[in-house]
N, C-alpha and C. Protein backbone atom coordinates (compact mmCIF):
# COMPACT_ATOMS: atom_id res chain seq x y z
N MET A 1 0.81 -1.08 -0.07
CA MET A 1 -0.05 0.08 -0.02
C MET A 1 0.87 1.16 0.04
N ALA A 2 0.35 2.23 -0.76
CA ALA A 2 1.29 3.52 -0.97
C ALA A 2 1.04 4.30 0.36
N GLY A 3 2.20 5.02 0.90
CA GLY A 3 2.29 5.70 2.07
C GLY A 3 2.11 7.31 1.58
N ARG A 4 2.09 8.12 2.66
CA ARG A 4 2.06 9.61 2.43
C ARG A 4 3.27 9.88 1.54
N GLY A 5 3.19 10.74 0.74
CA GLY A 5 4.42 11.42 -0.20
C GLY A 5 4.59 10.12 -1.38
N SER A 6 3.88 9.28 -1.54
CA SER A 6 4.01 8.34 -2.55
C SER A 6 3.82 8.91 -4.12
N ARG A 7 4.39 8.31 -4.96
CA ARG A 7 4.25 8.79 -6.28
C ARG A 7 2.96 7.99 -6.95
N TYR A 8 2.22 7.16 -5.99
CA TYR A 8 1.21 6.53 -6.70
C TYR A 8 -0.21 7.48 -6.61
N PHE A 9 -1.06 7.17 -7.75
CA PHE A 9 -2.20 8.00 -7.80
C PHE A 9 -3.09 7.85 -6.73
N MET A 10 -3.64 8.74 -6.06
CA MET A 10 -4.78 8.57 -5.13
C MET A 10 -5.91 9.02 -5.94
N LEU A 11 -7.10 7.90 -5.81
CA LEU A 11 -8.32 8.13 -6.41
C LEU A 11 -9.20 9.15 -5.77
N ARG A 12 -9.78 9.87 -6.45
CA ARG A 12 -10.76 10.99 -5.80
C ARG A 12 -11.80 11.10 -6.67
N ARG A 13 -12.91 11.56 -6.16
CA ARG A 13 -14.08 11.66 -7.03
C ARG A 13 -14.65 13.16 -7.11
N LYS A 14 -13.61 13.98 -7.04
CA LYS A 14 -14.00 15.41 -6.96
C LYS A 14 -13.90 16.01 -8.34
N ALA A 15 -14.94 16.82 -8.89
CA ALA A 15 -14.76 17.21 -10.07
C ALA A 15 -15.30 18.90 -9.81
N ASP A 16 -14.84 19.74 -10.53
CA ASP A 16 -15.38 21.25 -10.37
C ASP A 16 -16.75 21.19 -10.88
N ALA A 17 -17.44 22.19 -10.29
CA ALA A 17 -18.97 22.27 -10.64
C ALA A 17 -19.15 22.47 -12.05
N ASN A 18 -18.30 23.20 -12.82
CA ASN A 18 -18.41 23.37 -14.09
C ASN A 18 -18.15 22.30 -15.08
N GLN A 19 -17.48 21.24 -14.58
CA GLN A 19 -16.86 20.42 -15.66
C GLN A 19 -17.80 19.65 -16.25
N LYS A 20 -18.98 19.22 -15.88
CA LYS A 20 -20.01 18.57 -16.78
C LYS A 20 -20.48 19.53 -17.82
N ALA A 21 -20.65 20.83 -17.81
CA ALA A 21 -21.10 21.57 -18.79
C ALA A 21 -19.93 21.75 -19.89
N ILE A 22 -18.77 21.92 -19.34
CA ILE A 22 -17.58 22.07 -20.29
C ILE A 22 -17.62 20.75 -21.07
N VAL A 23 -17.58 19.60 -20.57
CA VAL A 23 -17.45 18.50 -21.29
C VAL A 23 -18.49 18.21 -22.28
N GLU A 24 -19.86 18.48 -22.03
CA GLU A 24 -20.84 18.46 -22.78
C GLU A 24 -20.72 19.44 -23.94
N ALA A 25 -20.18 20.60 -23.84
CA ALA A 25 -20.03 21.57 -24.94
C ALA A 25 -18.93 20.96 -25.84
N LEU A 26 -17.93 20.55 -25.25
CA LEU A 26 -16.70 19.94 -26.11
C LEU A 26 -16.98 18.67 -26.93
N GLU A 27 -17.97 17.75 -26.18
CA GLU A 27 -18.45 16.70 -27.14
C GLU A 27 -19.36 16.96 -28.20
N ALA A 28 -20.18 18.22 -27.73
CA ALA A 28 -21.21 18.56 -28.88
C ALA A 28 -20.51 18.99 -30.25
N VAL A 29 -19.11 19.45 -30.03
CA VAL A 29 -18.31 20.10 -31.34
C VAL A 29 -17.62 18.87 -31.81
N GLY A 30 -17.70 17.81 -31.26
CA GLY A 30 -16.96 16.68 -31.82
C GLY A 30 -15.53 16.22 -31.23
N ALA A 31 -15.40 16.68 -30.04
CA ALA A 31 -14.19 16.26 -29.30
C ALA A 31 -14.52 14.99 -28.41
N ARG A 32 -13.47 14.21 -28.40
CA ARG A 32 -13.57 13.08 -27.48
C ARG A 32 -13.01 13.56 -26.16
N ILE A 33 -13.56 13.01 -25.08
CA ILE A 33 -13.16 13.39 -23.86
C ILE A 33 -12.81 12.20 -23.02
N TYR A 34 -11.81 12.15 -22.33
CA TYR A 34 -11.24 11.19 -21.15
C TYR A 34 -11.22 11.75 -19.92
N ASP A 35 -12.12 11.45 -19.06
CA ASP A 35 -12.08 11.96 -17.63
C ASP A 35 -10.98 11.48 -16.83
N LEU A 36 -9.93 12.18 -16.40
CA LEU A 36 -9.07 11.88 -15.51
C LEU A 36 -9.04 12.39 -14.02
N SER A 37 -10.17 13.12 -13.81
CA SER A 37 -10.50 13.74 -12.55
C SER A 37 -10.30 12.95 -11.29
N ALA A 38 -10.52 11.55 -11.58
CA ALA A 38 -10.33 10.73 -10.34
C ALA A 38 -8.87 10.45 -10.09
N CYS A 39 -8.01 10.78 -10.91
CA CYS A 39 -6.58 10.35 -10.58
C CYS A 39 -5.89 11.08 -9.52
N GLY A 40 -6.25 12.27 -9.40
CA GLY A 40 -5.42 13.17 -8.22
C GLY A 40 -4.02 13.47 -8.72
N ALA A 41 -3.18 13.66 -7.84
CA ALA A 41 -1.72 13.73 -7.79
C ALA A 41 -1.38 14.90 -8.91
N GLY A 42 -2.19 15.80 -9.07
CA GLY A 42 -1.87 17.02 -9.99
C GLY A 42 -2.27 16.72 -11.42
N ILE A 43 -2.77 15.61 -11.60
CA ILE A 43 -3.13 15.07 -13.20
C ILE A 43 -4.33 16.06 -13.67
N PRO A 44 -4.21 16.48 -14.77
CA PRO A 44 -5.35 17.39 -15.34
C PRO A 44 -6.72 16.63 -15.23
N ASP A 45 -7.69 17.49 -15.18
CA ASP A 45 -9.01 16.89 -15.10
C ASP A 45 -9.55 15.96 -16.27
N ILE A 46 -9.24 16.55 -17.58
CA ILE A 46 -9.61 15.62 -18.75
C ILE A 46 -8.49 15.87 -19.85
N ALA A 47 -8.34 14.68 -20.63
CA ALA A 47 -7.64 14.42 -21.86
C ALA A 47 -8.64 14.81 -22.84
N VAL A 48 -8.27 15.66 -23.92
CA VAL A 48 -9.25 16.06 -24.92
C VAL A 48 -8.55 15.78 -26.32
N LEU A 49 -9.18 14.89 -27.25
CA LEU A 49 -9.05 14.56 -28.53
C LEU A 49 -9.65 15.52 -29.25
N LYS A 50 -8.94 16.47 -29.86
CA LYS A 50 -9.77 17.75 -30.34
C LYS A 50 -10.59 17.21 -31.64
N PRO A 51 -11.39 17.91 -32.10
CA PRO A 51 -12.44 17.69 -33.19
C PRO A 51 -11.73 17.35 -34.57
N ASN A 52 -10.52 17.77 -34.79
CA ASN A 52 -9.77 17.46 -35.93
C ASN A 52 -9.18 16.26 -35.92
N LYS A 53 -9.38 15.45 -34.75
CA LYS A 53 -8.82 13.93 -34.68
C LYS A 53 -7.43 13.71 -34.61
N ARG A 54 -6.81 14.84 -34.59
CA ARG A 54 -5.21 14.62 -34.72
C ARG A 54 -4.44 15.19 -33.38
N ASP A 55 -5.02 16.14 -32.78
CA ASP A 55 -4.28 16.69 -31.61
C ASP A 55 -4.97 16.41 -30.47
N VAL A 56 -4.06 16.31 -29.37
CA VAL A 56 -4.51 15.85 -28.08
C VAL A 56 -4.10 17.04 -27.10
N LEU A 57 -4.84 17.34 -26.26
CA LEU A 57 -4.51 18.26 -25.08
C LEU A 57 -5.05 17.99 -23.76
N PHE A 58 -4.51 18.55 -22.79
CA PHE A 58 -5.17 18.11 -21.42
C PHE A 58 -5.82 19.51 -20.84
N MET A 59 -6.81 19.42 -20.20
CA MET A 59 -7.45 20.58 -19.55
C MET A 59 -7.57 20.36 -18.18
N GLU A 60 -7.24 21.37 -17.23
CA GLU A 60 -7.60 21.55 -16.02
C GLU A 60 -8.84 22.43 -15.92
N ILE A 61 -9.89 22.05 -15.36
CA ILE A 61 -11.04 22.81 -15.20
C ILE A 61 -11.11 23.25 -13.87
N LYS A 62 -11.22 24.84 -13.70
CA LYS A 62 -11.26 25.53 -12.48
C LYS A 62 -12.54 26.35 -12.58
N THR A 63 -13.04 26.54 -11.45
CA THR A 63 -14.29 27.50 -11.36
C THR A 63 -13.77 29.08 -11.32
N ALA A 64 -14.64 30.02 -11.35
CA ALA A 64 -13.97 31.33 -11.68
C ALA A 64 -13.01 31.83 -10.69
N LYS A 65 -13.06 31.30 -9.40
CA LYS A 65 -12.08 31.76 -8.54
C LYS A 65 -11.04 30.59 -8.10
N GLY A 66 -11.05 29.53 -8.80
CA GLY A 66 -10.18 28.28 -8.34
C GLY A 66 -8.98 28.71 -8.73
N ALA A 67 -7.89 28.22 -8.12
CA ALA A 67 -6.63 28.41 -8.14
C ALA A 67 -5.70 26.95 -8.38
N LEU A 68 -4.79 26.97 -9.03
CA LEU A 68 -3.97 25.72 -9.08
C LEU A 68 -3.27 25.51 -7.84
N ARG A 69 -3.14 24.21 -7.52
CA ARG A 69 -2.38 23.69 -6.27
C ARG A 69 -1.00 23.51 -6.78
N ASP A 70 -0.11 23.49 -6.11
CA ASP A 70 1.28 23.39 -6.31
C ASP A 70 1.61 22.07 -7.06
N SER A 71 0.76 21.00 -6.54
CA SER A 71 1.01 19.61 -7.31
C SER A 71 0.50 19.82 -8.68
N GLN A 72 -0.50 20.61 -9.04
CA GLN A 72 -0.88 20.56 -10.31
C GLN A 72 -0.07 21.55 -11.18
N ILE A 73 0.52 22.49 -10.60
CA ILE A 73 1.66 23.18 -11.39
C ILE A 73 2.77 22.31 -11.88
N GLU A 74 3.15 21.42 -10.80
CA GLU A 74 4.37 20.71 -11.08
C GLU A 74 3.98 19.65 -12.02
N ALA A 75 2.67 18.96 -11.82
CA ALA A 75 2.48 17.90 -12.61
C ALA A 75 2.28 18.33 -14.25
N HIS A 76 1.94 19.60 -14.40
CA HIS A 76 1.56 20.10 -15.67
C HIS A 76 2.82 20.61 -16.44
N GLU A 77 3.82 20.86 -15.79
CA GLU A 77 5.17 21.40 -16.35
C GLU A 77 5.51 20.51 -17.62
N GLY A 78 5.75 21.18 -18.67
CA GLY A 78 6.17 20.55 -19.91
C GLY A 78 5.06 19.66 -20.66
N TRP A 79 3.98 19.79 -20.19
CA TRP A 79 2.95 19.09 -21.02
C TRP A 79 1.88 20.15 -21.75
N PRO A 80 1.16 19.77 -22.64
CA PRO A 80 0.23 20.68 -23.16
C PRO A 80 -1.09 20.86 -22.45
N VAL A 81 -1.17 21.51 -21.30
CA VAL A 81 -2.28 21.64 -20.30
C VAL A 81 -2.92 22.99 -20.46
N VAL A 82 -4.11 23.08 -20.58
CA VAL A 82 -4.83 24.38 -20.81
C VAL A 82 -5.71 24.60 -19.43
N VAL A 83 -5.66 25.54 -18.79
CA VAL A 83 -6.62 25.84 -17.57
C VAL A 83 -7.79 26.66 -18.24
N VAL A 84 -8.89 26.06 -18.09
CA VAL A 84 -10.10 26.51 -18.47
C VAL A 84 -11.14 26.88 -17.41
N ARG A 85 -11.99 27.98 -17.58
CA ARG A 85 -12.95 28.21 -16.41
C ARG A 85 -14.40 28.37 -17.07
N THR A 86 -14.49 28.50 -18.39
CA THR A 86 -15.66 28.55 -18.85
C THR A 86 -15.87 27.65 -20.32
N ILE A 87 -16.96 27.51 -20.70
CA ILE A 87 -17.16 26.88 -21.96
C ILE A 87 -16.48 27.57 -23.16
N ASP A 88 -16.70 28.98 -23.08
CA ASP A 88 -15.98 29.53 -24.28
C ASP A 88 -14.41 29.38 -24.26
N GLU A 89 -13.80 29.27 -23.14
CA GLU A 89 -12.39 29.11 -23.13
C GLU A 89 -12.05 27.78 -23.62
N ALA A 90 -12.87 26.69 -23.28
CA ALA A 90 -12.70 25.36 -23.47
C ALA A 90 -12.77 25.06 -25.03
N LEU A 91 -14.10 25.73 -25.68
CA LEU A 91 -14.23 25.78 -26.94
C LEU A 91 -12.90 26.33 -27.84
N ALA A 92 -12.56 27.58 -27.27
CA ALA A 92 -11.24 28.15 -28.11
C ALA A 92 -10.06 27.39 -27.93
N ALA A 93 -9.94 26.73 -26.92
CA ALA A 93 -8.66 25.87 -26.70
C ALA A 93 -8.61 24.78 -27.63
N VAL A 94 -9.76 24.21 -28.17
CA VAL A 94 -9.58 23.21 -29.11
C VAL A 94 -10.13 23.95 -30.44
N GLY A 95 -9.89 25.09 -30.73
CA GLY A 95 -10.16 25.71 -32.07
C GLY A 95 -11.40 25.81 -32.49
N VAL A 96 -12.47 26.15 -31.67
CA VAL A 96 -13.88 26.17 -32.00
C VAL A 96 -14.21 27.55 -31.47
N ARG A 97 -14.82 28.37 -32.24
CA ARG A 97 -15.60 29.61 -31.78
C ARG A 97 -16.87 29.32 -31.14
N ALA A 98 -17.31 29.87 -30.21
CA ALA A 98 -18.51 29.88 -29.23
C ALA A 98 -19.69 30.47 -30.14
């Protein structure tokens, strides 16, 4: 069993209040979504296969006043992670105008 400070992922079931609406909007424009929010350990909330079916990016979904934790900043470094707070921001990140 993994102890405190372990590199193993801790499962959690917490998603930001706006995640469902953002995921639904992305799916409506043809993006494929993989929910990673249960992983924890700073892993972004979702992986997004863009509607063009060639590009993948990761999204960290935050509420209007939500801030990144240190673990998230560290885990996101060097990866194509976009922090989004609204449906419009999420759509823009995949190249779709709202």
